[in-house]
PDB file of all heavy atoms in Angstrom:
ATOM      1  N   GLY A   1       0.807  -1.250   0.012  1.00  0.00           N
ATOM      2  CA  GLY A   1      -0.015   0.002   0.002  1.00  0.00           C
ATOM      3  C   GLY A   1       0.785   1.239   0.045  1.00  0.00           C
ATOM      4  O   GLY A   1       1.985   1.288   0.335  1.00  0.00           O
ATOM      5  N   SER A   2       0.160   2.458  -0.279  1.00  0.00           N
ATOM      6  CA  SER A   2       0.710   3.675  -0.426  1.00  0.00           C
ATOM      7  C   SER A   2       0.758   4.523   0.893  1.00  0.00           C
ATOM      8  O   SER A   2       1.278   5.613   0.902  1.00  0.00           O
ATOM      9  CB  SER A   2       0.042   4.456  -1.563  1.00  0.00           C
ATOM     10  OG  SER A   2      -1.264   4.587  -1.235  1.00  0.00           O
ATOM     11  N   CYS A   3       0.241   3.910   1.915  1.00  0.00           N
ATOM     12  CA  CYS A   3       0.051   4.564   3.131  1.00  0.00           C
ATOM     13  C   CYS A   3       1.312   4.287   4.031  1.00  0.00           C
ATOM     14  O   CYS A   3       1.388   3.187   4.531  1.00  0.00           O
ATOM     15  CB  CYS A   3      -1.191   4.411   3.914  1.00  0.00           C
ATOM     16  SG  CYS A   3      -2.656   4.722   2.924  1.00  0.00           S
ATOM     17  N   TYR A   4       2.340   5.158   4.369  1.00  0.00           N
ATOM     18  CA  TYR A   4       3.534   4.999   5.015  1.00  0.00           C
ATOM     19  C   TYR A   4       3.273   4.297   6.328  1.00  0.00           C
ATOM     20  O   TYR A   4       4.029   3.387   6.751  1.00  0.00           O
ATOM     21  CB  TYR A   4       4.197   6.292   5.152  1.00  0.00           C
ATOM     22  CG  TYR A   4       5.490   6.283   5.584  1.00  0.00           C
ATOM     23  CD1 TYR A   4       6.697   6.356   4.742  1.00  0.00           C
ATOM     24  CD2 TYR A   4       5.843   6.091   6.988  1.00  0.00           C
ATOM     25  CE1 TYR A   4       8.041   6.377   5.200  1.00  0.00           C
ATOM     26  CE2 TYR A   4       7.248   5.941   7.449  1.00  0.00           C
ATOM     27  CZ  TYR A   4       8.324   6.133   6.609  1.00  0.00           C
ATOM     28  OH  TYR A   4       9.574   6.049   6.917  1.00  0.00           O
ATOM     29  N   GLY A   5       2.318   4.769   7.096  1.00  0.00           N
ATOM     30  CA  GLY A   5       2.192   4.390   8.511  1.00  0.00           C
ATOM     31  C   GLY A   5       1.462   3.146   8.842  1.00  0.00           C
ATOM     32  O   GLY A   5       1.406   2.691   9.850  1.00  0.00           O
ATOM     33  N   VAL A   6       0.909   2.497   7.685  1.00  0.00           N
ATOM     34  CA  VAL A   6       0.100   1.250   8.005  1.00  0.00           C
ATOM     35  C   VAL A   6       0.973   0.114   8.412  1.00  0.00           C
ATOM     36  O   VAL A   6       2.210  -0.074   7.846  1.00  0.00           O
ATOM     37  CB  VAL A   6      -0.596   0.779   6.697  1.00  0.00           C
ATOM     38  CG1 VAL A   6      -1.160  -0.578   6.825  1.00  0.00           C
ATOM     39  CG2 VAL A   6      -1.751   1.866   6.395  1.00  0.00           C
ATOM     40  N   GLY A   7       0.665  -0.722   9.293  1.00  0.00           N
ATOM     41  CA  GLY A   7       1.484  -1.866   9.754  1.00  0.00           C
ATOM     42  C   GLY A   7       1.467  -3.033   8.895  1.00  0.00           C
ATOM     43  O   GLY A   7       0.392  -3.324   8.329  1.00  0.00           O
ATOM     44  N   ALA A   8       2.580  -3.717   8.660  1.00  0.00           N
ATOM     45  CA  ALA A   8       2.548  -4.848   7.799  1.00  0.00           C
ATOM     46  C   ALA A   8       1.744  -5.976   8.241  1.00  0.00           C
ATOM     47  O   ALA A   8       1.206  -6.770   7.343  1.00  0.00           O
ATOM     48  CB  ALA A   8       4.160  -5.393   7.607  1.00  0.00           C
ATOM     49  N   GLY A   9       1.544  -6.191   9.509  1.00  0.00           N
ATOM     50  CA  GLY A   9       0.710  -7.179  10.013  1.00  0.00           C
ATOM     51  C   GLY A   9      -0.656  -7.429   9.441  1.00  0.00           C
ATOM     52  O   GLY A   9      -0.916  -8.493   8.812  1.00  0.00           O
ATOM     53  N   GLY A  10      -1.510  -6.392   9.568  1.00  0.00           N
ATOM     54  CA  GLY A  10      -2.837  -6.478   9.042  1.00  0.00           C
ATOM     55  C   GLY A  10      -2.954  -6.384   7.542  1.00  0.00           C
ATOM     56  O   GLY A  10      -3.685  -6.955   6.847  1.00  0.00           O
ATOM     57  N   HIS A  11      -2.005  -5.563   7.011  1.00  0.00           N
ATOM     58  CA  HIS A  11      -1.873  -5.175   5.536  1.00  0.00           C
ATOM     59  C   HIS A  11      -1.710  -6.478   4.746  1.00  0.00           C
ATOM     60  O   HIS A  11      -2.439  -6.900   3.850  1.00  0.00           O
ATOM     61  CB  HIS A  11      -0.840  -4.150   5.296  1.00  0.00           C
ATOM     62  CG  HIS A  11      -0.867  -3.786   3.914  1.00  0.00           C
ATOM     63  ND1 HIS A  11      -1.810  -3.003   3.290  1.00  0.00           N
ATOM     64  CD2 HIS A  11       0.054  -3.972   2.783  1.00  0.00           C
ATOM     65  CE1 HIS A  11      -1.576  -2.740   1.941  1.00  0.00           C
ATOM     66  NE2 HIS A  11      -0.494  -3.348   1.669  1.00  0.00           N
ATOM     67  N   ILE A  12      -0.666  -7.262   5.178  1.00  0.00           N
ATOM     68  CA  ILE A  12      -0.210  -8.389   4.377  1.00  0.00           C
ATOM     69  C   ILE A  12      -1.262  -9.596   4.618  1.00  0.00           C
ATOM     70  O   ILE A  12      -1.704 -10.266   3.597  1.00  0.00           O
ATOM     71  CB  ILE A  12       1.149  -8.853   4.625  1.00  0.00           C
ATOM     72  CG1 ILE A  12       2.069  -7.753   4.291  1.00  0.00           C
ATOM     73  CG2 ILE A  12       1.530 -10.108   3.865  1.00  0.00           C
ATOM     74  CD1 ILE A  12       3.655  -8.049   4.790  1.00  0.00           C
ATOM     75  N   SER A  13      -1.679  -9.793   5.728  1.00  0.00           N
ATOM     76  CA  SER A  13      -2.640 -10.978   6.045  1.00  0.00           C
ATOM     77  C   SER A  13      -3.969 -10.779   5.301  1.00  0.00           C
ATOM     78  O   SER A  13      -4.565 -11.787   5.093  1.00  0.00           O
ATOM     79  CB  SER A  13      -2.815 -11.117   7.568  1.00  0.00           C
ATOM     80  OG  SER A  13      -3.463  -9.968   8.195  1.00  0.00           O
ATOM     81  N   GLY A  14      -4.284  -9.460   4.977  1.00  0.00           N
ATOM     82  CA  GLY A  14      -5.627  -9.237   4.363  1.00  0.00           C
ATOM     83  C   GLY A  14      -5.434  -9.215   2.670  1.00  0.00           C
ATOM     84  O   GLY A  14      -6.227  -8.913   1.988  1.00  0.00           O
ATOM     85  N   GLY A  15      -4.214  -9.548   2.242  1.00  0.00           N
ATOM     86  CA  GLY A  15      -3.875  -9.555   0.887  1.00  0.00           C
ATOM     87  C   GLY A  15      -3.637  -8.120   0.347  1.00  0.00           C
ATOM     88  O   GLY A  15      -4.042  -7.758  -0.756  1.00  0.00           O
ATOM     89  N   GLY A  16      -2.726  -7.296   1.022  1.00  0.00           N
ATOM     90  CA  GLY A  16      -2.503  -5.991   0.656  1.00  0.00           C
ATOM     91  C   GLY A  16      -2.114  -5.698  -0.692  1.00  0.00           C
ATOM     92  O   GLY A  16      -1.356  -6.437  -1.264  1.00  0.00           O
ATOM     93  N   TYR A  17      -2.645  -4.647  -1.395  1.00  0.00           N
ATOM     94  CA  TYR A  17      -2.250  -4.203  -2.695  1.00  0.00           C
ATOM     95  C   TYR A  17      -1.774  -2.741  -2.620  1.00  0.00           C
ATOM     96  O   TYR A  17      -1.957  -2.043  -1.687  1.00  0.00           O
ATOM     97  CB  TYR A  17      -3.427  -4.377  -3.655  1.00  0.00           C
ATOM     98  CG  TYR A  17      -4.435  -3.257  -3.599  1.00  0.00           C
ATOM     99  CD1 TYR A  17      -4.541  -2.233  -4.561  1.00  0.00           C
ATOM    100  CD2 TYR A  17      -5.278  -3.047  -2.484  1.00  0.00           C
ATOM    101  CE1 TYR A  17      -5.388  -1.285  -4.556  1.00  0.00           C
ATOM    102  CE2 TYR A  17      -6.180  -2.077  -2.392  1.00  0.00           C
ATOM    103  CZ  TYR A  17      -6.301  -1.126  -3.441  1.00  0.00           C
ATOM    104  OH  TYR A  17      -7.240  -0.118  -3.418  1.00  0.00           O
ATOM    105  N   GLY A  18      -1.203  -2.407  -3.729  1.00  0.00           N
ATOM    106  CA  GLY A  18      -0.758  -0.923  -3.850  1.00  0.00           C
ATOM    107  C   GLY A  18      -0.392  -0.498  -5.364  1.00  0.00           C
ATOM    108  O   GLY A  18      -0.809  -1.231  -6.288  1.00  0.00           O
ATOM    109  N   VAL A  19       0.297   0.547  -5.272  1.00  0.00           N
ATOM    110  CA  VAL A  19       0.742   1.195  -6.649  1.00  0.00           C
ATOM    111  C   VAL A  19       1.377   0.197  -7.599  1.00  0.00           C
ATOM    112  O   VAL A  19       1.185   0.327  -8.944  1.00  0.00           O
ATOM    113  CB  VAL A  19       1.522   2.405  -6.354  1.00  0.00           C
ATOM    114  CG1 VAL A  19       1.912   3.080  -7.726  1.00  0.00           C
ATOM    115  CG2 VAL A  19       0.787   3.310  -5.470  1.00  0.00           C
ATOM    116  N   LEU A  20       2.190  -0.734  -7.178  1.00  0.00           N
ATOM    117  CA  LEU A  20       2.950  -1.657  -8.000  1.00  0.00           C
ATOM    118  C   LEU A  20       2.316  -3.033  -8.237  1.00  0.00           C
ATOM    119  O   LEU A  20       2.746  -3.908  -8.774  1.00  0.00           O
ATOM    120  CB  LEU A  20       4.366  -1.885  -7.450  1.00  0.00           C
ATOM    121  CG  LEU A  20       5.313  -0.706  -7.504  1.00  0.00           C
ATOM    122  CD1 LEU A  20       6.590  -1.094  -6.790  1.00  0.00           C
ATOM    123  CD2 LEU A  20       5.425  -0.198  -8.796  1.00  0.00           C
ATOM    124  N   SER A  21       0.945  -3.088  -7.753  1.00  0.00           N
ATOM    125  CA  SER A  21       0.353  -4.411  -7.798  1.00  0.00           C
ATOM    126  C   SER A  21      -0.109  -4.768  -9.235  1.00  0.00           C
ATOM    127  O   SER A  21      -0.071  -6.026  -9.589  1.00  0.00           O
ATOM    128  CB  SER A  21      -0.871  -4.501  -6.895  1.00  0.00           C
ATOM    129  OG  SER A  21      -0.440  -4.527  -5.538  1.00  0.00           O
ATOM    130  N   ARG A  22      -0.329  -3.724 -10.084  1.00  0.00           N
ATOM    131  CA  ARG A  22      -0.701  -4.149 -11.420  1.00  0.00           C
ATOM    132  C   ARG A  22       0.572  -4.695 -12.134  1.00  0.00           C
ATOM    133  O   ARG A  22       0.489  -5.639 -12.994  1.00  0.00           O
ATOM    134  CB  ARG A  22      -1.196  -2.895 -12.254  1.00  0.00           C
ATOM    135  CG  ARG A  22      -2.614  -2.619 -11.958  1.00  0.00           C
ATOM    136  CD  ARG A  22      -3.099  -1.266 -12.603  1.00  0.00           C
ATOM    137  NE  ARG A  22      -2.563  -1.137 -14.016  1.00  0.00           N
ATOM    138  CZ  ARG A  22      -3.263  -1.696 -15.015  1.00  0.00           C
ATOM    139  NH1 ARG A  22      -4.257  -2.508 -14.959  1.00  0.00           N
ATOM    140  NH2 ARG A  22      -2.788  -1.459 -16.382  1.00  0.00           N
ATOM    141  N   LEU A  23       1.699  -4.308 -11.627  1.00  0.00           N
ATOM    142  CA  LEU A  23       2.962  -4.654 -12.422  1.00  0.00           C
ATOM    143  C   LEU A  23       3.401  -5.935 -11.739  1.00  0.00           C
ATOM    144  O   LEU A  23       4.015  -6.768 -12.422  1.00  0.00           O
ATOM    145  CB  LEU A  23       3.948  -3.571 -12.171  1.00  0.00           C
ATOM    146  CG  LEU A  23       5.389  -3.826 -12.968  1.00  0.00           C
ATOM    147  CD1 LEU A  23       5.080  -4.010 -14.427  1.00  0.00           C
ATOM    148  CD2 LEU A  23       6.239  -2.574 -12.696  1.00  0.00           C
ATOM    149  N   HIS A  24       3.228  -6.135 -10.360  1.00  0.00           N
ATOM    150  CA  HIS A  24       3.864  -7.202  -9.578  1.00  0.00           C
ATOM    151  C   HIS A  24       2.933  -8.111  -8.899  1.00  0.00           C
ATOM    152  O   HIS A  24       3.411  -9.065  -8.188  1.00  0.00           O
ATOM    153  CB  HIS A  24       4.976  -6.731  -8.713  1.00  0.00           C
ATOM    154  CG  HIS A  24       6.133  -6.099  -9.452  1.00  0.00           C
ATOM    155  ND1 HIS A  24       6.876  -6.748 -10.417  1.00  0.00           N
ATOM    156  CD2 HIS A  24       6.632  -4.878  -9.419  1.00  0.00           C
ATOM    157  CE1 HIS A  24       7.791  -5.975 -10.915  1.00  0.00           C
ATOM    158  NE2 HIS A  24       7.751  -4.787 -10.197  1.00  0.00           N
ATOM    159  N   GLY A  25       1.672  -7.867  -8.897  1.00  0.00           N
ATOM    160  CA  GLY A  25       0.672  -8.681  -8.008  1.00  0.00           C
ATOM    161  C   GLY A  25       0.610  -8.152  -6.627  1.00  0.00           C
ATOM    162  O   GLY A  25       0.997  -7.118  -6.207  1.00  0.00           O
ATOM    163  N   LEU A  26      -0.084  -8.912  -5.759  1.00  0.00           N
ATOM    164  CA  LEU A  26      -0.433  -8.647  -4.373  1.00  0.00           C
ATOM    165  C   LEU A  26       0.843  -8.930  -3.449  1.00  0.00           C
ATOM    166  O   LEU A  26       1.612  -9.762  -3.791  1.00  0.00           O
ATOM    167  CB  LEU A  26      -1.645  -9.356  -3.873  1.00  0.00           C
ATOM    168  CG  LEU A  26      -2.897  -9.136  -4.775  1.00  0.00           C
ATOM    169  CD1 LEU A  26      -4.059  -9.883  -4.255  1.00  0.00           C
ATOM    170  CD2 LEU A  26      -3.347  -7.661  -4.887  1.00  0.00           C
ATOM    171  N   THR A  27       0.786  -8.355  -2.160  1.00  0.00           N
ATOM    172  CA  THR A  27       1.762  -8.842  -1.113  1.00  0.00           C
ATOM    173  C   THR A  27       1.768 -10.325  -1.069  1.00  0.00           C
ATOM    174  O   THR A  27       2.898 -10.979  -0.989  1.00  0.00           O
ATOM    175  CB  THR A  27       1.593  -8.061   0.073  1.00  0.00           C
ATOM    176  OG1 THR A  27       0.264  -8.437   0.564  1.00  0.00           O
ATOM    177  CG2 THR A  27       1.833  -6.522  -0.165  1.00  0.00           C
ATOM    178  N   VAL A  28       0.553 -11.043  -0.820  1.00  0.00           N
ATOM    179  CA  VAL A  28       0.573 -12.327  -0.471  1.00  0.00           C
ATOM    180  C   VAL A  28       0.936 -13.244  -1.691  1.00  0.00           C
ATOM    181  O   VAL A  28       1.178 -14.425  -1.542  1.00  0.00           O
ATOM    182  CB  VAL A  28      -0.804 -12.758  -0.062  1.00  0.00           C
ATOM    183  CG1 VAL A  28      -1.095 -12.127   1.290  1.00  0.00           C
ATOM    184  CG2 VAL A  28      -1.996 -12.346  -1.058  1.00  0.00           C
TER     185      VAL A  28
END
């Protein structure tokens, strides 16, 4: 994701996406 302060714990476990996801997929 593009929000600097978000913690990786909840972001990744929920399948986090962001600016580079169209190019590289989701975090998971």
